[in-house]
Amino acid sequence: MSFASLLINTCVIERFVAGAADAFGNPAKNWGPHLTVDGRLSSATGRERQDATEVTQVDEMLFLEDVDVTEHDRVTVDGVTFNIVFVTDKQNGTGNHHKELGLVRVKS
């Protein structure tokens, strides 16, 4: 079974794009689609990522192939929007294999 065959969710990665000017004449920032890719959403309630100085709580984990995504983006999976709080590159010994994203649900 290949890694790609495990990616069963359609994910829309969004980035900030400049929009029309706001009331102060500054360009308003809007989310716009950046990529549509396959991924796998996995429940991670209570899961944490710990760096040397910081602990980050996440709601879900998302597994993607090696695509262009950063912590400044957000993602919509099956109609639910999440902020990306961390992106971890996973390697297979010869290069990047896939990415694991820690997600926090956007409250509406």
N, C-alpha and C. Protein backbone atom coordinates (compact mmCIF):
# COMPACT_ATOMS: atom_id res chain seq x y z
N MET A 1 0.84 -1.17 0.00
CA MET A 1 0.00 0.00 0.00
C MET A 1 0.90 1.24 0.00
N SER A 2 0.67 2.14 -0.94
CA SER A 2 1.50 3.34 -1.04
C SER A 2 0.97 4.44 -0.12
N PHE A 3 1.83 5.40 0.17
CA PHE A 3 1.45 6.54 1.00
C PHE A 3 0.30 7.30 0.34
N ALA A 4 0.38 7.52 -0.97
CA ALA A 4 -0.65 8.28 -1.69
C ALA A 4 -2.03 7.63 -1.57
N SER A 5 -2.08 6.31 -1.49
CA SER A 5 -3.38 5.63 -1.39
C SER A 5 -4.05 5.86 -0.04
N LEU A 6 -3.30 6.31 0.96
CA LEU A 6 -3.86 6.58 2.28
C LEU A 6 -4.47 7.98 2.39
N LEU A 7 -4.22 8.82 1.40
CA LEU A 7 -4.68 10.22 1.44
C LEU A 7 -6.11 10.29 0.90
N ILE A 8 -7.08 10.26 1.81
CA ILE A 8 -8.48 10.10 1.43
C ILE A 8 -9.31 11.37 1.54
N ASN A 9 -8.73 12.46 2.07
CA ASN A 9 -9.46 13.71 2.23
C ASN A 9 -8.99 14.74 1.21
N THR A 10 -9.92 15.53 0.67
CA THR A 10 -9.57 16.62 -0.22
C THR A 10 -9.33 17.87 0.63
N CYS A 11 -8.18 18.50 0.44
CA CYS A 11 -7.76 19.63 1.26
C CYS A 11 -7.50 20.84 0.38
N VAL A 12 -8.06 21.98 0.78
CA VAL A 12 -7.80 23.23 0.07
C VAL A 12 -6.93 24.09 0.98
N ILE A 13 -5.68 24.29 0.56
CA ILE A 13 -4.76 25.13 1.31
C ILE A 13 -4.97 26.56 0.82
N GLU A 14 -5.16 27.48 1.77
CA GLU A 14 -5.42 28.88 1.44
C GLU A 14 -4.30 29.77 1.95
N ARG A 15 -4.05 30.87 1.21
CA ARG A 15 -3.06 31.88 1.60
C ARG A 15 -3.71 33.25 1.59
N PHE A 16 -3.11 34.18 2.34
CA PHE A 16 -3.56 35.56 2.30
C PHE A 16 -3.29 36.14 0.92
N VAL A 17 -4.25 36.86 0.39
CA VAL A 17 -4.07 37.61 -0.86
C VAL A 17 -4.58 39.02 -0.62
N ALA A 18 -3.96 40.00 -1.27
CA ALA A 18 -4.39 41.39 -1.13
C ALA A 18 -5.74 41.56 -1.80
N GLY A 19 -6.63 42.26 -1.12
CA GLY A 19 -7.96 42.50 -1.67
C GLY A 19 -8.19 43.98 -1.87
N ALA A 20 -9.44 44.36 -1.96
CA ALA A 20 -9.81 45.76 -2.13
C ALA A 20 -9.38 46.56 -0.90
N ALA A 21 -9.24 47.86 -1.07
CA ALA A 21 -8.81 48.73 0.02
C ALA A 21 -9.88 48.79 1.10
N ASP A 22 -9.43 48.84 2.36
CA ASP A 22 -10.37 48.97 3.47
C ASP A 22 -10.70 50.45 3.70
N ALA A 23 -11.38 50.77 4.78
CA ALA A 23 -11.81 52.15 5.07
C ALA A 23 -10.63 53.11 5.24
N PHE A 24 -9.44 52.58 5.55
CA PHE A 24 -8.27 53.41 5.75
C PHE A 24 -7.36 53.46 4.52
N GLY A 25 -7.79 52.84 3.43
CA GLY A 25 -7.00 52.84 2.21
C GLY A 25 -5.95 51.74 2.14
N ASN A 26 -5.90 50.87 3.14
CA ASN A 26 -4.95 49.76 3.14
C ASN A 26 -5.57 48.56 2.44
N PRO A 27 -4.77 47.81 1.68
CA PRO A 27 -5.35 46.63 1.03
C PRO A 27 -5.79 45.60 2.07
N ALA A 28 -7.04 45.20 1.99
CA ALA A 28 -7.57 44.19 2.92
C ALA A 28 -7.01 42.84 2.55
N LYS A 29 -6.75 42.04 3.56
CA LYS A 29 -6.24 40.69 3.29
C LYS A 29 -7.38 39.70 3.30
N ASN A 30 -7.44 38.88 2.31
CA ASN A 30 -8.45 37.84 2.20
C ASN A 30 -7.75 36.50 1.99
N TRP A 31 -8.42 35.44 2.40
CA TRP A 31 -7.90 34.10 2.13
C TRP A 31 -8.28 33.72 0.72
N GLY A 32 -7.30 33.21 -0.04
CA GLY A 32 -7.55 32.73 -1.39
C GLY A 32 -6.98 31.34 -1.56
N PRO A 33 -7.56 30.53 -2.43
CA PRO A 33 -7.04 29.17 -2.63
C PRO A 33 -5.62 29.19 -3.18
N HIS A 34 -4.78 28.35 -2.61
CA HIS A 34 -3.38 28.21 -3.05
C HIS A 34 -3.18 26.85 -3.73
N LEU A 35 -3.60 25.78 -3.07
CA LEU A 35 -3.46 24.42 -3.61
C LEU A 35 -4.68 23.59 -3.22
N THR A 36 -5.04 22.65 -4.06
CA THR A 36 -6.00 21.61 -3.69
C THR A 36 -5.25 20.29 -3.81
N VAL A 37 -5.15 19.59 -2.68
CA VAL A 37 -4.36 18.37 -2.62
C VAL A 37 -5.12 17.31 -1.84
N ASP A 38 -4.66 16.08 -1.96
CA ASP A 38 -5.19 14.99 -1.15
C ASP A 38 -4.39 14.91 0.15
N GLY A 39 -5.08 14.57 1.23
CA GLY A 39 -4.42 14.44 2.52
C GLY A 39 -5.17 13.45 3.38
N ARG A 40 -4.68 13.28 4.60
CA ARG A 40 -5.37 12.39 5.54
C ARG A 40 -5.46 13.11 6.87
N LEU A 41 -6.70 13.36 7.30
CA LEU A 41 -6.96 14.03 8.57
C LEU A 41 -7.05 12.99 9.67
N SER A 42 -6.37 13.23 10.76
CA SER A 42 -6.35 12.29 11.87
C SER A 42 -6.62 13.03 13.17
N SER A 43 -7.51 12.51 13.97
CA SER A 43 -7.83 13.13 15.25
C SER A 43 -6.60 13.14 16.14
N ALA A 44 -6.37 14.28 16.77
CA ALA A 44 -5.20 14.41 17.64
C ALA A 44 -5.56 15.14 18.92
N THR A 45 -6.79 15.00 19.39
CA THR A 45 -7.22 15.71 20.58
C THR A 45 -6.29 15.38 21.74
N GLY A 46 -5.76 16.42 22.33
CA GLY A 46 -4.85 16.24 23.46
C GLY A 46 -3.41 16.03 23.05
N ARG A 47 -3.13 16.01 21.75
CA ARG A 47 -1.76 15.80 21.30
C ARG A 47 -0.99 17.11 21.33
N GLU A 48 0.27 17.03 21.67
CA GLU A 48 1.10 18.20 21.78
C GLU A 48 2.39 18.01 21.00
N ARG A 49 2.92 19.13 20.55
CA ARG A 49 4.25 19.13 19.96
C ARG A 49 5.11 19.98 20.88
N GLN A 50 6.22 19.46 21.31
CA GLN A 50 7.07 20.19 22.23
C GLN A 50 8.41 20.50 21.59
N ASP A 51 8.71 21.80 21.49
CA ASP A 51 10.02 22.26 21.07
C ASP A 51 10.82 22.57 22.32
N ALA A 52 12.01 23.11 22.14
CA ALA A 52 12.86 23.41 23.29
C ALA A 52 12.19 24.37 24.28
N THR A 53 11.39 25.32 23.78
CA THR A 53 10.82 26.33 24.66
C THR A 53 9.30 26.45 24.58
N GLU A 54 8.65 25.65 23.77
CA GLU A 54 7.23 25.85 23.53
C GLU A 54 6.48 24.53 23.40
N VAL A 55 5.29 24.49 23.96
CA VAL A 55 4.39 23.35 23.80
C VAL A 55 3.17 23.84 23.03
N THR A 56 2.82 23.15 21.95
CA THR A 56 1.69 23.54 21.11
C THR A 56 0.62 22.47 21.15
N GLN A 57 -0.59 22.85 21.54
CA GLN A 57 -1.74 21.95 21.57
C GLN A 57 -2.42 21.97 20.21
N VAL A 58 -2.77 20.82 19.67
CA VAL A 58 -3.44 20.75 18.37
C VAL A 58 -4.72 19.94 18.48
N ASP A 59 -5.67 20.24 17.56
CA ASP A 59 -6.94 19.51 17.51
C ASP A 59 -6.86 18.31 16.58
N GLU A 60 -6.18 18.49 15.44
CA GLU A 60 -6.10 17.45 14.40
C GLU A 60 -4.70 17.45 13.81
N MET A 61 -4.34 16.32 13.21
CA MET A 61 -3.10 16.21 12.43
C MET A 61 -3.51 15.97 10.98
N LEU A 62 -2.77 16.56 10.05
CA LEU A 62 -3.03 16.37 8.63
C LEU A 62 -1.75 15.91 7.97
N PHE A 63 -1.85 14.84 7.20
CA PHE A 63 -0.70 14.27 6.50
C PHE A 63 -0.86 14.58 5.02
N LEU A 64 0.19 15.18 4.42
CA LEU A 64 0.19 15.56 3.00
C LEU A 64 1.46 15.07 2.35
N GLU A 65 1.42 14.96 1.02
CA GLU A 65 2.67 14.74 0.30
C GLU A 65 3.52 15.99 0.46
N ASP A 66 4.73 15.98 -0.07
CA ASP A 66 5.66 17.11 0.06
C ASP A 66 5.19 18.25 -0.84
N VAL A 67 4.35 19.15 -0.30
CA VAL A 67 3.78 20.27 -1.06
C VAL A 67 4.18 21.59 -0.41
N ASP A 68 3.90 22.69 -1.10
CA ASP A 68 4.21 24.03 -0.63
C ASP A 68 3.16 24.49 0.38
N VAL A 69 3.47 24.37 1.68
CA VAL A 69 2.56 24.78 2.74
C VAL A 69 3.40 25.29 3.91
N THR A 70 2.90 26.35 4.58
CA THR A 70 3.62 26.92 5.72
C THR A 70 2.65 27.17 6.87
N GLU A 71 3.21 27.61 7.99
CA GLU A 71 2.39 27.95 9.16
C GLU A 71 1.57 29.22 8.94
N HIS A 72 1.85 29.96 7.89
CA HIS A 72 1.11 31.18 7.59
C HIS A 72 -0.15 30.90 6.77
N ASP A 73 -0.33 29.65 6.35
CA ASP A 73 -1.49 29.26 5.56
C ASP A 73 -2.59 28.74 6.49
N ARG A 74 -3.72 28.43 5.89
CA ARG A 74 -4.77 27.68 6.59
C ARG A 74 -5.30 26.64 5.62
N VAL A 75 -6.08 25.69 6.12
CA VAL A 75 -6.55 24.59 5.27
C VAL A 75 -8.02 24.29 5.59
N THR A 76 -8.77 23.96 4.55
CA THR A 76 -10.15 23.52 4.71
C THR A 76 -10.22 22.06 4.28
N VAL A 77 -10.71 21.22 5.17
CA VAL A 77 -10.84 19.79 4.92
C VAL A 77 -12.29 19.39 5.17
N ASP A 78 -12.94 18.87 4.14
CA ASP A 78 -14.33 18.43 4.25
C ASP A 78 -15.23 19.51 4.86
N GLY A 79 -15.02 20.77 4.45
CA GLY A 79 -15.86 21.87 4.89
C GLY A 79 -15.50 22.48 6.23
N VAL A 80 -14.46 21.97 6.89
CA VAL A 80 -14.03 22.50 8.19
C VAL A 80 -12.70 23.21 7.99
N THR A 81 -12.60 24.44 8.50
CA THR A 81 -11.39 25.24 8.31
C THR A 81 -10.51 25.18 9.56
N PHE A 82 -9.20 25.05 9.31
CA PHE A 82 -8.22 24.95 10.39
C PHE A 82 -7.08 25.94 10.15
N ASN A 83 -6.54 26.49 11.24
CA ASN A 83 -5.28 27.22 11.17
C ASN A 83 -4.16 26.19 11.30
N ILE A 84 -3.10 26.40 10.55
CA ILE A 84 -1.93 25.51 10.61
C ILE A 84 -0.98 26.09 11.65
N VAL A 85 -0.70 25.33 12.71
CA VAL A 85 0.16 25.84 13.77
C VAL A 85 1.59 25.32 13.67
N PHE A 86 1.79 24.20 13.00
CA PHE A 86 3.15 23.76 12.69
C PHE A 86 3.16 22.83 11.50
N VAL A 87 4.28 22.83 10.79
CA VAL A 87 4.51 21.94 9.65
C VAL A 87 5.82 21.22 9.90
N THR A 88 5.78 19.89 9.87
CA THR A 88 6.97 19.08 10.07
C THR A 88 7.28 18.30 8.80
N ASP A 89 8.50 18.46 8.27
CA ASP A 89 8.94 17.68 7.11
C ASP A 89 9.42 16.32 7.58
N LYS A 90 8.91 15.27 6.98
CA LYS A 90 9.35 13.92 7.28
C LYS A 90 10.17 13.41 6.10
N GLN A 91 11.28 12.76 6.40
CA GLN A 91 12.18 12.29 5.35
C GLN A 91 12.21 10.77 5.31
N ASN A 92 12.61 10.25 4.13
CA ASN A 92 12.67 8.80 3.96
C ASN A 92 14.10 8.31 3.73
N GLY A 93 15.08 9.14 4.04
CA GLY A 93 16.47 8.74 3.86
C GLY A 93 17.09 9.29 2.59
N THR A 94 16.28 9.62 1.60
CA THR A 94 16.81 10.18 0.36
C THR A 94 16.31 11.60 0.11
N GLY A 95 15.35 12.06 0.90
CA GLY A 95 14.78 13.39 0.73
C GLY A 95 13.47 13.50 1.48
N ASN A 96 12.77 14.60 1.24
CA ASN A 96 11.48 14.78 1.91
C ASN A 96 10.46 13.79 1.38
N HIS A 97 9.73 13.16 2.29
CA HIS A 97 8.74 12.15 1.93
C HIS A 97 7.33 12.72 2.02
N HIS A 98 7.01 13.33 3.17
CA HIS A 98 5.68 13.91 3.35
C HIS A 98 5.75 14.97 4.43
N LYS A 99 4.63 15.64 4.68
CA LYS A 99 4.55 16.66 5.71
C LYS A 99 3.43 16.31 6.68
N GLU A 100 3.68 16.63 7.95
CA GLU A 100 2.68 16.49 8.99
C GLU A 100 2.36 17.88 9.50
N LEU A 101 1.06 18.21 9.52
CA LEU A 101 0.62 19.53 9.93
C LEU A 101 -0.19 19.41 11.21
N GLY A 102 0.11 20.25 12.17
CA GLY A 102 -0.70 20.38 13.37
C GLY A 102 -1.75 21.44 13.12
N LEU A 103 -3.01 21.12 13.39
CA LEU A 103 -4.11 22.01 13.07
C LEU A 103 -4.93 22.37 14.30
N VAL A 104 -5.46 23.61 14.27
CA VAL A 104 -6.40 24.06 15.28
C VAL A 104 -7.63 24.56 14.54
N ARG A 105 -8.78 24.06 14.94
CA ARG A 105 -10.04 24.41 14.27
C ARG A 105 -10.32 25.92 14.43
N VAL A 106 -10.74 26.55 13.32
CA VAL A 106 -11.13 27.96 13.35
C VAL A 106 -12.53 28.04 13.94
N LYS A 107 -12.67 28.82 14.99
CA LYS A 107 -13.98 28.99 15.62
C LYS A 107 -14.78 29.99 14.81
N SER A 108 -16.04 29.67 14.53
CA SER A 108 -16.86 30.61 13.76
C SER A 108 -17.99 31.18 14.57
